[in-house]
Amino acid sequence: MKISSLTGILFVFFGLTPAVADDYPNEQSYVILINNENAGIETVIEDKDNSGAFVFTSEHELFVNDGTTRSRLIFSTKMVFSRGTRTLQTYACRYKTGQGGDSYDVSVKNGQITRVLTRNGQSVEVTAPFTSNMVIVDFNVYYQYEQLIRRYDLKKKGPQVFANFIPVIGNDIPLKVTWLDDETLRFGEKTIETSRFRIESADIQTTTLFVDKNNRLAVLENPAQELKVIRKDLLFGAEND
């Protein structure tokens, strides 16, 4: 087991005393850093509907610099899993940029996954087989990594491959998940026990993921994108929410 410190520049930047919450509320937020600068925040709420299905809704704001301009992106998502088996039922995402808003809706029924993508008022529908190892992990929606890790078999460990359905392209790509080790992350004077995973998305990107003992997302890192996502309570403490 290794002990890694994430204090350094992160807490110099935020200027607040880090703390670790003892419990995990139904509402959680994640601070998004790009090149160690605050780029946005994602907030997700977990709930159940009248049927007992698990419902995740999120709001996500992100600021991106392209070297000359600073763009604001807003994402709103809703993801529903069935009661018991936690099988994906529906997923909806609305996203807005300076050029306007678009959306996509995904539904699963009778072994088929259907995506309707709407851009500039025009809708395009795609249907594909829904396989037992299919997941949805949007590249810009971070709470979904928790759902992915819950599908990973820790008893077997080793590389495990899932079919990641990407709504924007209407197709799936291989997503390989590998448990690496257990690590103790240090935030100031506090520590948190985590498991570290490598997430490889075909030839597109490689992400390192740290989850706590309850398989809750703690830290996500993508060095190629200079991206870090850190659970807010780890940085600020529950009393500062």
C-alpha atoms as a PDB file:
ATOM      1  CA  MET A   1       0.000   0.000   0.000  1.00  0.00           C
ATOM      2  CA  LYS A   2       1.286   3.433  -0.951  1.00  0.00           C
ATOM      3  CA  ILE A   3       0.623   6.796   0.633  1.00  0.00           C
ATOM      4  CA  SER A   4       0.201   9.674  -1.794  1.00  0.00           C
ATOM      5  CA  SER A   5      -0.240  13.326  -0.951  1.00  0.00           C
ATOM      6  CA  LEU A   6      -2.554  15.567  -2.958  1.00  0.00           C
ATOM      7  CA  THR A   7      -1.964  18.623  -0.812  1.00  0.00           C
ATOM      8  CA  GLY A   8       0.670  20.735  -2.639  1.00  0.00           C
ATOM      9  CA  ILE A   9      -0.598  23.075  -5.270  1.00  0.00           C
ATOM     10  CA  LEU A  10      -4.242  22.069  -4.812  1.00  0.00           C
ATOM     11  CA  PHE A  11      -4.553  23.523  -1.335  1.00  0.00           C
ATOM     12  CA  VAL A  12      -2.340  26.470  -2.161  1.00  0.00           C
ATOM     13  CA  PHE A  13      -4.805  27.217  -4.948  1.00  0.00           C
ATOM     14  CA  PHE A  14      -7.972  26.821  -2.905  1.00  0.00           C
ATOM     15  CA  GLY A  15      -6.521  28.413   0.230  1.00  0.00           C
ATOM     16  CA  LEU A  16      -8.706  26.360   2.572  1.00  0.00           C
ATOM     17  CA  THR A  17      -8.069  23.714   5.171  1.00  0.00           C
ATOM     18  CA  PRO A  18      -8.771  20.239   3.716  1.00  0.00           C
ATOM     19  CA  ALA A  19     -11.008  17.826   5.573  1.00  0.00           C
ATOM     20  CA  VAL A  20     -12.524  14.389   5.028  1.00  0.00           C
ATOM     21  CA  ALA A  21     -16.208  13.783   5.679  1.00  0.00           C
ATOM     22  CA  ASP A  22     -17.168  10.705   7.693  1.00  0.00           C
ATOM     23  CA  ASP A  23     -20.253   9.927   5.623  1.00  0.00           C
ATOM     24  CA  TYR A  24     -21.409  10.330   2.053  1.00  0.00           C
ATOM     25  CA  PRO A  25     -24.600  12.352   1.479  1.00  0.00           C
ATOM     26  CA  ASN A  26     -27.114  11.804  -1.307  1.00  0.00           C
ATOM     27  CA  GLU A  27     -25.817  15.022  -2.859  1.00  0.00           C
ATOM     28  CA  GLN A  28     -22.172  15.236  -3.794  1.00  0.00           C
ATOM     29  CA  SER A  29     -19.984  17.682  -5.721  1.00  0.00           C
ATOM     30  CA  TYR A  30     -16.705  17.331  -7.582  1.00  0.00           C
ATOM     31  CA  VAL A  31     -14.213  20.132  -8.194  1.00  0.00           C
ATOM     32  CA  ILE A  32     -12.750  20.127 -11.717  1.00  0.00           C
ATOM     33  CA  LEU A  33      -9.184  21.323 -12.230  1.00  0.00           C
ATOM     34  CA  ILE A  34      -7.494  21.832 -15.591  1.00  0.00           C
ATOM     35  CA  ASN A  35      -3.786  22.619 -15.437  1.00  0.00           C
ATOM     36  CA  ASN A  36      -4.271  23.023 -11.662  1.00  0.00           C
ATOM     37  CA  GLU A  37      -6.750  25.856 -12.166  1.00  0.00           C
ATOM     38  CA  ASN A  38     -10.388  25.794 -11.137  1.00  0.00           C
ATOM     39  CA  ALA A  39     -12.369  24.951 -14.288  1.00  0.00           C
ATOM     40  CA  GLY A  40     -15.779  24.065 -12.889  1.00  0.00           C
ATOM     41  CA  ILE A  41     -17.829  21.845 -10.643  1.00  0.00           C
ATOM     42  CA  GLU A  42     -20.148  18.862 -11.033  1.00  0.00           C
ATOM     43  CA  THR A  43     -22.969  18.209  -8.562  1.00  0.00           C
ATOM     44  CA  VAL A  44     -24.940  14.951  -8.504  1.00  0.00           C
ATOM     45  CA  ILE A  45     -27.992  13.899  -6.484  1.00  0.00           C
ATOM     46  CA  GLU A  46     -28.877  10.263  -5.826  1.00  0.00           C
ATOM     47  CA  ASP A  47     -32.514   9.308  -5.253  1.00  0.00           C
ATOM     48  CA  LYS A  48     -35.158   6.647  -5.875  1.00  0.00           C
ATOM     49  CA  ASP A  49     -38.407   6.996  -7.784  1.00  0.00           C
ATOM     50  CA  ASN A  50     -41.770   5.454  -6.845  1.00  0.00           C
ATOM     51  CA  SER A  51     -40.815   2.116  -8.405  1.00  0.00           C
ATOM     52  CA  GLY A  52     -37.591   1.896  -6.381  1.00  0.00           C
ATOM     53  CA  ALA A  53     -35.374   2.613  -9.380  1.00  0.00           C
ATOM     54  CA  PHE A  54     -32.106   4.433  -8.716  1.00  0.00           C
ATOM     55  CA  VAL A  55     -32.087   7.944 -10.149  1.00  0.00           C
ATOM     56  CA  PHE A  56     -28.987  10.117 -10.601  1.00  0.00           C
ATOM     57  CA  THR A  57     -29.348  13.737 -11.673  1.00  0.00           C
ATOM     58  CA  SER A  58     -26.413  16.061 -12.197  1.00  0.00           C
ATOM     59  CA  GLU A  59     -25.555  19.639 -13.050  1.00  0.00           C
ATOM     60  CA  HIS A  60     -22.141  20.277 -14.480  1.00  0.00           C
ATOM     61  CA  GLU A  61     -20.463  23.556 -15.348  1.00  0.00           C
ATOM     62  CA  LEU A  62     -17.105  23.671 -17.090  1.00  0.00           C
ATOM     63  CA  PHE A  63     -14.929  26.519 -18.353  1.00  0.00           C
ATOM     64  CA  VAL A  64     -12.448  25.661 -21.110  1.00  0.00           C
ATOM     65  CA  ASN A  65      -9.660  27.848 -22.518  1.00  0.00           C
ATOM     66  CA  ASP A  66      -8.562  27.263 -26.105  1.00  0.00           C
ATOM     67  CA  GLY A  67      -5.663  29.711 -25.871  1.00  0.00           C
ATOM     68  CA  THR A  68      -7.576  32.807 -26.954  1.00  0.00           C
ATOM     69  CA  THR A  69     -11.105  32.515 -25.559  1.00  0.00           C
ATOM     70  CA  ARG A  70     -12.776  31.061 -22.472  1.00  0.00           C
ATOM     71  CA  SER A  71     -15.852  28.945 -23.221  1.00  0.00           C
ATOM     72  CA  ARG A  72     -18.566  27.933 -20.764  1.00  0.00           C
ATOM     73  CA  LEU A  73     -20.201  24.505 -21.074  1.00  0.00           C
ATOM     74  CA  ILE A  74     -23.221  23.436 -19.065  1.00  0.00           C
ATOM     75  CA  PHE A  75     -24.310  19.798 -18.741  1.00  0.00           C
ATOM     76  CA  SER A  76     -27.511  18.479 -17.138  1.00  0.00           C
ATOM     77  CA  THR A  77     -27.979  14.705 -16.939  1.00  0.00           C
ATOM     78  CA  LYS A  78     -30.419  12.143 -15.591  1.00  0.00           C
ATOM     79  CA  MET A  79     -29.544   8.455 -15.333  1.00  0.00           C
ATOM     80  CA  VAL A  80     -31.969   5.744 -14.167  1.00  0.00           C
ATOM     81  CA  PHE A  81     -31.102   2.184 -13.121  1.00  0.00           C
ATOM     82  CA  SER A  82     -33.639  -0.524 -12.338  1.00  0.00           C
ATOM     83  CA  ARG A  83     -34.330  -1.690  -8.821  1.00  0.00           C
ATOM     84  CA  GLY A  84     -32.465  -4.855  -7.788  1.00  0.00           C
ATOM     85  CA  THR A  85     -30.357  -5.604 -10.860  1.00  0.00           C
ATOM     86  CA  ARG A  86     -29.401  -1.930 -11.343  1.00  0.00           C
ATOM     87  CA  THR A  87     -29.708  -2.332 -15.114  1.00  0.00           C
ATOM     88  CA  LEU A  88     -29.562   0.882 -17.116  1.00  0.00           C
ATOM     89  CA  GLN A  89     -33.036   2.036 -18.150  1.00  0.00           C
ATOM     90  CA  THR A  90     -32.659   5.593 -19.420  1.00  0.00           C
ATOM     91  CA  TYR A  91     -30.063   8.325 -19.732  1.00  0.00           C
ATOM     92  CA  ALA A  92     -30.619  11.910 -20.798  1.00  0.00           C
ATOM     93  CA  CYS A  93     -28.100  14.695 -21.271  1.00  0.00           C
ATOM     94  CA  ARG A  94     -28.635  18.345 -22.140  1.00  0.00           C
ATOM     95  CA  TYR A  95     -25.561  20.417 -22.896  1.00  0.00           C
ATOM     96  CA  LYS A  96     -25.214  24.068 -23.722  1.00  0.00           C
ATOM     97  CA  THR A  97     -22.333  26.043 -25.189  1.00  0.00           C
ATOM     98  CA  GLY A  98     -21.981  29.549 -26.497  1.00  0.00           C
ATOM     99  CA  GLN A  99     -23.362  28.310 -29.824  1.00  0.00           C
ATOM    100  CA  GLY A 100     -26.600  26.979 -28.347  1.00  0.00           C
ATOM    101  CA  GLY A 101     -27.983  23.889 -26.674  1.00  0.00           C
ATOM    102  CA  ASP A 102     -28.167  20.290 -27.864  1.00  0.00           C
ATOM    103  CA  SER A 103     -29.220  17.035 -26.208  1.00  0.00           C
ATOM    104  CA  TYR A 104     -29.350  13.288 -26.413  1.00  0.00           C
ATOM    105  CA  ASP A 105     -31.709  10.747 -24.906  1.00  0.00           C
ATOM    106  CA  VAL A 106     -30.888   7.075 -24.412  1.00  0.00           C
ATOM    107  CA  SER A 107     -33.332   4.290 -23.570  1.00  0.00           C
ATOM    108  CA  VAL A 108     -33.005   0.529 -23.140  1.00  0.00           C
ATOM    109  CA  LYS A 109     -35.847  -1.835 -23.982  1.00  0.00           C
ATOM    110  CA  ASN A 110     -36.122  -5.457 -25.143  1.00  0.00           C
ATOM    111  CA  GLY A 111     -32.382  -5.901 -25.536  1.00  0.00           C
ATOM    112  CA  GLN A 112     -31.959  -2.752 -27.616  1.00  0.00           C
ATOM    113  CA  ILE A 113     -30.351   0.578 -26.765  1.00  0.00           C
ATOM    114  CA  THR A 114     -31.732   3.592 -28.601  1.00  0.00           C
ATOM    115  CA  ARG A 115     -30.165   7.031 -28.775  1.00  0.00           C
ATOM    116  CA  VAL A 116     -31.842  10.150 -30.100  1.00  0.00           C
ATOM    117  CA  LEU A 117     -29.370  13.000 -30.711  1.00  0.00           C
ATOM    118  CA  THR A 118     -30.768  16.487 -31.266  1.00  0.00           C
ATOM    119  CA  ARG A 119     -28.587  19.220 -32.765  1.00  0.00           C
ATOM    120  CA  ASN A 120     -29.789  22.526 -34.162  1.00  0.00           C
ATOM    121  CA  GLY A 121     -33.373  21.279 -33.922  1.00  0.00           C
ATOM    122  CA  GLN A 122     -32.662  18.157 -35.999  1.00  0.00           C
ATOM    123  CA  SER A 123     -32.913  14.678 -34.404  1.00  0.00           C
ATOM    124  CA  VAL A 124     -31.086  11.519 -35.426  1.00  0.00           C
ATOM    125  CA  GLU A 125     -31.963   8.107 -33.963  1.00  0.00           C
ATOM    126  CA  VAL A 126     -29.578   5.158 -33.652  1.00  0.00           C
ATOM    127  CA  THR A 127     -30.410   1.673 -32.325  1.00  0.00           C
ATOM    128  CA  ALA A 128     -27.959  -1.056 -31.330  1.00  0.00           C
ATOM    129  CA  PRO A 129     -27.988  -4.313 -29.312  1.00  0.00           C
ATOM    130  CA  PHE A 130     -27.738  -3.786 -25.562  1.00  0.00           C
ATOM    131  CA  THR A 131     -25.210  -6.276 -24.237  1.00  0.00           C
ATOM    132  CA  SER A 132     -24.689  -7.489 -20.674  1.00  0.00           C
ATOM    133  CA  ASN A 133     -21.323  -5.721 -20.354  1.00  0.00           C
ATOM    134  CA  MET A 134     -22.488  -2.387 -21.768  1.00  0.00           C
ATOM    135  CA  VAL A 135     -22.008   0.804 -19.755  1.00  0.00           C
ATOM    136  CA  ILE A 136     -22.301   4.530 -20.353  1.00  0.00           C
ATOM    137  CA  VAL A 137     -19.375   6.655 -19.217  1.00  0.00           C
ATOM    138  CA  ASP A 138     -19.560  10.076 -20.852  1.00  0.00           C
ATOM    139  CA  PHE A 139     -16.140  11.658 -21.154  1.00  0.00           C
ATOM    140  CA  ASN A 140     -17.319  14.882 -19.497  1.00  0.00           C
ATOM    141  CA  VAL A 141     -19.608  13.413 -16.796  1.00  0.00           C
ATOM    142  CA  TYR A 142     -17.555  12.169 -13.886  1.00  0.00           C
ATOM    143  CA  TYR A 143     -20.034  10.598 -11.442  1.00  0.00           C
ATOM    144  CA  GLN A 144     -20.621   7.831 -13.985  1.00  0.00           C
ATOM    145  CA  TYR A 145     -17.215   6.373 -13.166  1.00  0.00           C
ATOM    146  CA  GLU A 146     -18.738   5.159  -9.884  1.00  0.00           C
ATOM    147  CA  GLN A 147     -21.277   3.099 -11.819  1.00  0.00           C
ATOM    148  CA  LEU A 148     -18.435   1.635 -13.866  1.00  0.00           C
ATOM    149  CA  ILE A 149     -16.420   0.579 -10.809  1.00  0.00           C
ATOM    150  CA  ARG A 150     -19.501  -1.099  -9.331  1.00  0.00           C
ATOM    151  CA  ARG A 151     -19.484  -3.385 -12.374  1.00  0.00           C
ATOM    152  CA  TYR A 152     -15.861  -4.379 -11.813  1.00  0.00           C
ATOM    153  CA  ASP A 153     -15.313  -7.793 -10.189  1.00  0.00           C
ATOM    154  CA  LEU A 154     -12.757  -7.237  -7.421  1.00  0.00           C
ATOM    155  CA  LYS A 155     -12.578 -10.967  -6.689  1.00  0.00           C
ATOM    156  CA  LYS A 156     -11.192 -11.641 -10.161  1.00  0.00           C
ATOM    157  CA  LYS A 157      -9.241  -8.390 -10.499  1.00  0.00           C
ATOM    158  CA  GLY A 158      -7.045  -8.100 -13.578  1.00  0.00           C
ATOM    159  CA  PRO A 159      -8.112  -6.268 -16.763  1.00  0.00           C
ATOM    160  CA  GLN A 160     -11.874  -6.335 -17.393  1.00  0.00           C
ATOM    161  CA  VAL A 161     -13.352  -4.948 -20.602  1.00  0.00           C
ATOM    162  CA  PHE A 162     -16.730  -3.223 -20.929  1.00  0.00           C
ATOM    163  CA  ALA A 163     -18.563  -1.896 -23.956  1.00  0.00           C
ATOM    164  CA  ASN A 164     -18.846   1.832 -23.353  1.00  0.00           C
ATOM    165  CA  PHE A 165     -21.767   3.253 -25.324  1.00  0.00           C
ATOM    166  CA  ILE A 166     -20.940   6.829 -26.325  1.00  0.00           C
ATOM    167  CA  PRO A 167     -24.233   8.681 -26.931  1.00  0.00           C
ATOM    168  CA  VAL A 168     -22.698  11.406 -29.115  1.00  0.00           C
ATOM    169  CA  ILE A 169     -21.412   8.876 -31.668  1.00  0.00           C
ATOM    170  CA  GLY A 170     -24.198   6.332 -31.123  1.00  0.00           C
ATOM    171  CA  ASN A 171     -21.818   3.406 -30.816  1.00  0.00           C
ATOM    172  CA  ASP A 172     -19.735   1.612 -28.207  1.00  0.00           C
ATOM    173  CA  ILE A 173     -15.971   1.417 -27.766  1.00  0.00           C
ATOM    174  CA  PRO A 174     -13.938  -0.922 -25.530  1.00  0.00           C
ATOM    175  CA  LEU A 175     -13.291   0.367 -22.026  1.00  0.00           C
ATOM    176  CA  LYS A 176     -10.666  -1.588 -20.089  1.00  0.00           C
ATOM    177  CA  VAL A 177     -10.653  -1.332 -16.290  1.00  0.00           C
ATOM    178  CA  THR A 178      -7.711  -2.609 -14.215  1.00  0.00           C
ATOM    179  CA  TRP A 179      -7.286  -2.573 -10.445  1.00  0.00           C
ATOM    180  CA  LEU A 180      -3.755  -1.407  -9.657  1.00  0.00           C
ATOM    181  CA  ASP A 181      -3.349  -1.237  -5.878  1.00  0.00           C
ATOM    182  CA  ASP A 182      -4.667   0.172  -2.629  1.00  0.00           C
ATOM    183  CA  GLU A 183      -3.478   3.634  -1.699  1.00  0.00           C
ATOM    184  CA  THR A 184      -3.829   5.962   1.237  1.00  0.00           C
ATOM    185  CA  LEU A 185      -4.382   9.490  -0.057  1.00  0.00           C
ATOM    186  CA  ARG A 186      -3.404  12.350   2.193  1.00  0.00           C
ATOM    187  CA  PHE A 187      -5.292  15.637   2.266  1.00  0.00           C
ATOM    188  CA  GLY A 188      -3.473  17.922   4.669  1.00  0.00           C
ATOM    189  CA  GLU A 189      -3.582  16.135   8.023  1.00  0.00           C
ATOM    190  CA  LYS A 190      -6.380  13.794   6.926  1.00  0.00           C
ATOM    191  CA  THR A 191      -6.097  10.529   5.019  1.00  0.00           C
ATOM    192  CA  ILE A 192      -8.523   8.388   3.045  1.00  0.00           C
ATOM    193  CA  GLU A 193      -8.154   4.731   2.072  1.00  0.00           C
ATOM    194  CA  THR A 194      -8.667   4.184  -1.644  1.00  0.00           C
ATOM    195  CA  SER A 195      -8.337   1.665  -4.437  1.00  0.00           C
ATOM    196  CA  ARG A 196      -6.598   2.843  -7.606  1.00  0.00           C
ATOM    197  CA  PHE A 197      -7.812   1.829 -11.065  1.00  0.00           C
ATOM    198  CA  ARG A 198      -6.567   2.462 -14.590  1.00  0.00           C
ATOM    199  CA  ILE A 199      -9.309   3.176 -17.127  1.00  0.00           C
ATOM    200  CA  GLU A 200      -8.275   2.787 -20.776  1.00  0.00           C
ATOM    201  CA  SER A 201     -10.688   3.949 -23.440  1.00  0.00           C
ATOM    202  CA  ALA A 202      -9.479   2.349 -26.685  1.00  0.00           C
ATOM    203  CA  ASP A 203      -6.771   4.647 -28.059  1.00  0.00           C
ATOM    204  CA  ILE A 204      -8.585   7.790 -26.953  1.00  0.00           C
ATOM    205  CA  GLN A 205      -7.521   8.359 -23.344  1.00  0.00           C
ATOM    206  CA  THR A 206      -6.193   6.771 -20.169  1.00  0.00           C
ATOM    207  CA  THR A 207      -7.562   7.826 -16.790  1.00  0.00           C
ATOM    208  CA  THR A 208      -6.494   6.987 -13.246  1.00  0.00           C
ATOM    209  CA  LEU A 209      -9.324   6.638 -10.774  1.00  0.00           C
ATOM    210  CA  PHE A 210      -9.250   6.533  -6.968  1.00  0.00           C
ATOM    211  CA  VAL A 211     -12.364   5.293  -5.148  1.00  0.00           C
ATOM    212  CA  ASP A 212     -12.932   5.038  -1.401  1.00  0.00           C
ATOM    213  CA  LYS A 213     -13.915   1.936   0.577  1.00  0.00           C
ATOM    214  CA  ASN A 214     -17.532   2.384  -0.559  1.00  0.00           C
ATOM    215  CA  ASN A 215     -16.487   2.566  -4.235  1.00  0.00           C
ATOM    216  CA  ARG A 216     -17.224   6.294  -4.218  1.00  0.00           C
ATOM    217  CA  LEU A 217     -15.230   8.488  -6.551  1.00  0.00           C
ATOM    218  CA  ALA A 218     -12.512  10.359  -4.661  1.00  0.00           C
ATOM    219  CA  VAL A 219     -10.037  11.521  -7.325  1.00  0.00           C
ATOM    220  CA  LEU A 220      -9.839  11.230 -11.103  1.00  0.00           C
ATOM    221  CA  GLU A 221      -6.694  12.118 -13.043  1.00  0.00           C
ATOM    222  CA  ASN A 222      -6.044  12.406 -16.776  1.00  0.00           C
ATOM    223  CA  PRO A 223      -2.492  13.752 -17.276  1.00  0.00           C
ATOM    224  CA  ALA A 224      -2.829  14.030 -21.060  1.00  0.00           C
ATOM    225  CA  GLN A 225      -5.672  16.521 -20.575  1.00  0.00           C
ATOM    226  CA  GLU A 226      -4.058  18.097 -17.479  1.00  0.00           C
ATOM    227  CA  LEU A 227      -7.323  17.182 -15.755  1.00  0.00           C
ATOM    228  CA  LYS A 228      -8.004  16.413 -12.097  1.00  0.00           C
ATOM    229  CA  VAL A 229     -11.416  15.872 -10.536  1.00  0.00           C
ATOM    230  CA  ILE A 230     -11.564  15.822  -6.733  1.00  0.00           C
ATOM    231  CA  ARG A 231     -14.534  15.217  -4.467  1.00  0.00           C
ATOM    232  CA  LYS A 232     -15.413  18.532  -2.867  1.00  0.00           C
ATOM    233  CA  ASP A 233     -15.688  17.295   0.720  1.00  0.00           C
ATOM    234  CA  LEU A 234     -12.093  16.095   0.545  1.00  0.00           C
ATOM    235  CA  LEU A 235     -10.946  19.604  -0.244  1.00  0.00           C
ATOM    236  CA  PHE A 236     -13.287  21.777   1.740  1.00  0.00           C
ATOM    237  CA  GLY A 237     -14.838  19.580   4.408  1.00  0.00           C
ATOM    238  CA  ALA A 238     -18.546  18.987   4.900  1.00  0.00           C
ATOM    239  CA  GLU A 239     -18.891  22.019   7.166  1.00  0.00           C
ATOM    240  CA  ASN A 240     -17.944  24.341   4.290  1.00  0.00           C
ATOM    241  CA  ASP A 241     -20.440  22.992   1.764  1.00  0.00           C
END
